Amino acid sequence: MRDVTITGETIRLGQLLKLAGIVDSGGEGKALIERGVLVNGEAETRRGRRLARGDRVEVGGEAVRVA
């Protein structure tokens, strides 16, 4: 798992995927989220889901944590 540092208090799931380099665009992120993303171990389908420090996102065998 690797940490992705954010500057504000929260970040949206789609934005985190772009910041982490997992996707290159919002459209790509949307499609990926529709196929299956886990947030803190639970399935998530909302691109706008707010994440805070300590939240963990797993997708395609890769895991990132909001730092």
N, C-alpha and C. Protein backbone atom coordinates (compact mmCIF):
# COMPACT_ATOMS: atom_id res chain seq x y z
N MET A 1 0.85 -1.17 0.00
CA MET A 1 0.00 0.00 0.00
C MET A 1 0.90 1.24 0.00
N ARG A 2 0.46 2.23 -0.75
CA ARG A 2 1.21 3.48 -0.74
C ARG A 2 0.31 4.63 -0.32
N ASP A 3 0.92 5.62 0.28
CA ASP A 3 0.19 6.79 0.76
C ASP A 3 0.13 7.85 -0.33
N VAL A 4 -1.03 8.51 -0.43
CA VAL A 4 -1.22 9.63 -1.34
C VAL A 4 -1.58 10.84 -0.47
N THR A 5 -0.74 11.84 -0.49
CA THR A 5 -0.93 13.02 0.36
C THR A 5 -1.87 14.01 -0.30
N ILE A 6 -2.83 14.49 0.49
CA ILE A 6 -3.76 15.52 0.01
C ILE A 6 -3.49 16.81 0.78
N THR A 7 -3.91 17.93 0.19
CA THR A 7 -3.67 19.22 0.84
C THR A 7 -4.85 19.67 1.70
N GLY A 8 -6.07 19.30 1.31
CA GLY A 8 -7.24 19.71 2.07
C GLY A 8 -7.64 18.65 3.07
N GLU A 9 -8.82 18.83 3.66
CA GLU A 9 -9.34 17.88 4.64
C GLU A 9 -9.89 16.62 3.98
N THR A 10 -10.51 16.77 2.80
CA THR A 10 -11.11 15.63 2.10
C THR A 10 -10.78 15.70 0.61
N ILE A 11 -11.04 14.60 -0.07
CA ILE A 11 -10.87 14.52 -1.52
C ILE A 11 -11.92 13.56 -2.05
N ARG A 12 -12.41 13.82 -3.25
CA ARG A 12 -13.39 12.92 -3.86
C ARG A 12 -12.67 11.70 -4.43
N LEU A 13 -13.37 10.59 -4.46
CA LEU A 13 -12.79 9.33 -4.92
C LEU A 13 -12.21 9.46 -6.33
N GLY A 14 -12.95 10.05 -7.25
CA GLY A 14 -12.45 10.22 -8.62
C GLY A 14 -11.18 11.04 -8.67
N GLN A 15 -11.11 12.08 -7.86
CA GLN A 15 -9.92 12.93 -7.81
C GLN A 15 -8.72 12.16 -7.24
N LEU A 16 -8.96 11.35 -6.23
CA LEU A 16 -7.88 10.57 -5.64
C LEU A 16 -7.30 9.59 -6.65
N LEU A 17 -8.16 8.95 -7.43
CA LEU A 17 -7.67 8.01 -8.44
C LEU A 17 -6.77 8.71 -9.45
N LYS A 18 -7.12 9.94 -9.82
CA LYS A 18 -6.26 10.71 -10.73
C LYS A 18 -4.98 11.14 -10.05
N LEU A 19 -5.06 11.64 -8.83
CA LEU A 19 -3.89 12.09 -8.09
C LEU A 19 -2.90 10.94 -7.86
N ALA A 20 -3.42 9.75 -7.62
CA ALA A 20 -2.58 8.58 -7.38
C ALA A 20 -2.00 8.01 -8.66
N GLY A 21 -2.47 8.51 -9.82
CA GLY A 21 -1.96 8.02 -11.09
C GLY A 21 -2.57 6.70 -11.53
N ILE A 22 -3.67 6.32 -10.90
CA ILE A 22 -4.34 5.06 -11.26
C ILE A 22 -5.13 5.24 -12.55
N VAL A 23 -5.69 6.43 -12.75
CA VAL A 23 -6.40 6.77 -13.99
C VAL A 23 -5.87 8.11 -14.50
N ASP A 24 -6.10 8.35 -15.80
CA ASP A 24 -5.63 9.60 -16.40
C ASP A 24 -6.73 10.65 -16.55
N SER A 25 -8.00 10.21 -16.51
CA SER A 25 -9.09 11.16 -16.72
C SER A 25 -10.28 10.81 -15.84
N GLY A 26 -11.19 11.76 -15.73
CA GLY A 26 -12.41 11.53 -14.96
C GLY A 26 -13.28 10.45 -15.55
N GLY A 27 -13.34 10.39 -16.88
CA GLY A 27 -14.12 9.36 -17.54
C GLY A 27 -13.57 7.97 -17.29
N GLU A 28 -12.27 7.87 -17.31
CA GLU A 28 -11.61 6.59 -17.02
C GLU A 28 -11.88 6.19 -15.57
N GLY A 29 -11.84 7.16 -14.67
CA GLY A 29 -12.13 6.91 -13.27
C GLY A 29 -13.55 6.43 -13.05
N LYS A 30 -14.48 7.06 -13.74
CA LYS A 30 -15.89 6.68 -13.62
C LYS A 30 -16.08 5.22 -14.04
N ALA A 31 -15.48 4.85 -15.17
CA ALA A 31 -15.61 3.47 -15.67
C ALA A 31 -14.98 2.49 -14.69
N LEU A 32 -13.84 2.84 -14.12
CA LEU A 32 -13.16 1.97 -13.17
C LEU A 32 -14.01 1.79 -11.91
N ILE A 33 -14.58 2.86 -11.42
CA ILE A 33 -15.42 2.79 -10.22
C ILE A 33 -16.65 1.92 -10.48
N GLU A 34 -17.22 2.01 -11.67
CA GLU A 34 -18.37 1.18 -12.01
C GLU A 34 -18.02 -0.31 -12.01
N ARG A 35 -16.76 -0.63 -12.36
CA ARG A 35 -16.32 -2.03 -12.40
C ARG A 35 -16.00 -2.57 -11.01
N GLY A 36 -15.70 -1.71 -10.08
CA GLY A 36 -15.46 -2.18 -8.73
C GLY A 36 -14.27 -1.56 -8.04
N VAL A 37 -14.56 -0.80 -7.00
CA VAL A 37 -13.55 -0.17 -6.15
C VAL A 37 -13.97 -0.41 -4.71
N LEU A 38 -13.02 -0.70 -3.86
CA LEU A 38 -13.30 -0.87 -2.44
C LEU A 38 -12.78 0.34 -1.68
N VAL A 39 -13.61 0.88 -0.81
CA VAL A 39 -13.21 1.97 0.09
C VAL A 39 -13.37 1.43 1.50
N ASN A 40 -12.26 1.35 2.20
CA ASN A 40 -12.26 0.80 3.56
C ASN A 40 -12.90 -0.59 3.60
N GLY A 41 -12.64 -1.38 2.56
CA GLY A 41 -13.12 -2.76 2.50
C GLY A 41 -14.54 -2.94 2.01
N GLU A 42 -15.23 -1.86 1.65
CA GLU A 42 -16.62 -1.95 1.19
C GLU A 42 -16.73 -1.44 -0.23
N ALA A 43 -17.58 -2.08 -1.05
CA ALA A 43 -17.78 -1.68 -2.43
C ALA A 43 -18.31 -0.25 -2.50
N GLU A 44 -17.77 0.53 -3.44
CA GLU A 44 -18.20 1.92 -3.61
C GLU A 44 -18.43 2.19 -5.09
N THR A 45 -19.55 2.82 -5.41
CA THR A 45 -19.89 3.13 -6.80
C THR A 45 -20.04 4.62 -7.05
N ARG A 46 -19.85 5.45 -6.03
CA ARG A 46 -20.01 6.89 -6.19
C ARG A 46 -18.66 7.55 -6.43
N ARG A 47 -18.50 8.18 -7.59
CA ARG A 47 -17.26 8.87 -7.93
C ARG A 47 -17.02 10.06 -7.00
N GLY A 48 -18.10 10.64 -6.48
CA GLY A 48 -18.00 11.81 -5.61
C GLY A 48 -17.85 11.49 -4.14
N ARG A 49 -17.69 10.23 -3.79
CA ARG A 49 -17.52 9.82 -2.38
C ARG A 49 -16.37 10.61 -1.76
N ARG A 50 -16.63 11.24 -0.64
CA ARG A 50 -15.62 12.03 0.06
C ARG A 50 -14.72 11.11 0.89
N LEU A 51 -13.43 11.29 0.74
CA LEU A 51 -12.45 10.51 1.49
C LEU A 51 -11.64 11.44 2.38
N ALA A 52 -11.29 10.96 3.54
CA ALA A 52 -10.47 11.73 4.49
C ALA A 52 -9.19 10.96 4.79
N ARG A 53 -8.28 11.61 5.46
CA ARG A 53 -7.02 10.96 5.81
C ARG A 53 -7.28 9.64 6.54
N GLY A 54 -6.54 8.62 6.16
CA GLY A 54 -6.69 7.30 6.76
C GLY A 54 -7.57 6.37 5.96
N ASP A 55 -8.41 6.92 5.06
CA ASP A 55 -9.25 6.07 4.22
C ASP A 55 -8.37 5.28 3.26
N ARG A 56 -8.79 4.06 2.99
CA ARG A 56 -8.03 3.15 2.13
C ARG A 56 -8.87 2.81 0.90
N VAL A 57 -8.26 2.87 -0.28
CA VAL A 57 -8.94 2.55 -1.53
C VAL A 57 -8.18 1.41 -2.20
N GLU A 58 -8.92 0.38 -2.61
CA GLU A 58 -8.34 -0.76 -3.31
C GLU A 58 -9.01 -0.90 -4.67
N VAL A 59 -8.17 -1.04 -5.70
CA VAL A 59 -8.69 -1.19 -7.05
C VAL A 59 -7.66 -1.94 -7.89
N GLY A 60 -8.13 -2.95 -8.61
CA GLY A 60 -7.25 -3.69 -9.51
C GLY A 60 -5.98 -4.21 -8.87
N GLY A 61 -6.06 -4.69 -7.65
CA GLY A 61 -4.89 -5.22 -6.97
C GLY A 61 -3.96 -4.16 -6.39
N GLU A 62 -4.30 -2.91 -6.52
CA GLU A 62 -3.49 -1.81 -5.98
C GLU A 62 -4.24 -1.17 -4.82
N ALA A 63 -3.51 -0.80 -3.78
CA ALA A 63 -4.12 -0.16 -2.61
C ALA A 63 -3.41 1.15 -2.33
N VAL A 64 -4.20 2.19 -2.06
CA VAL A 64 -3.66 3.49 -1.68
C VAL A 64 -4.38 3.96 -0.41
N ARG A 65 -3.68 4.74 0.38
CA ARG A 65 -4.26 5.32 1.60
C ARG A 65 -4.13 6.81 1.53
N VAL A 66 -5.20 7.51 1.92
CA VAL A 66 -5.19 8.98 1.94
C VAL A 66 -4.36 9.43 3.12
N ALA A 67 -3.36 10.27 2.83
CA ALA A 67 -2.45 10.75 3.89
C ALA A 67 -2.50 12.26 3.98
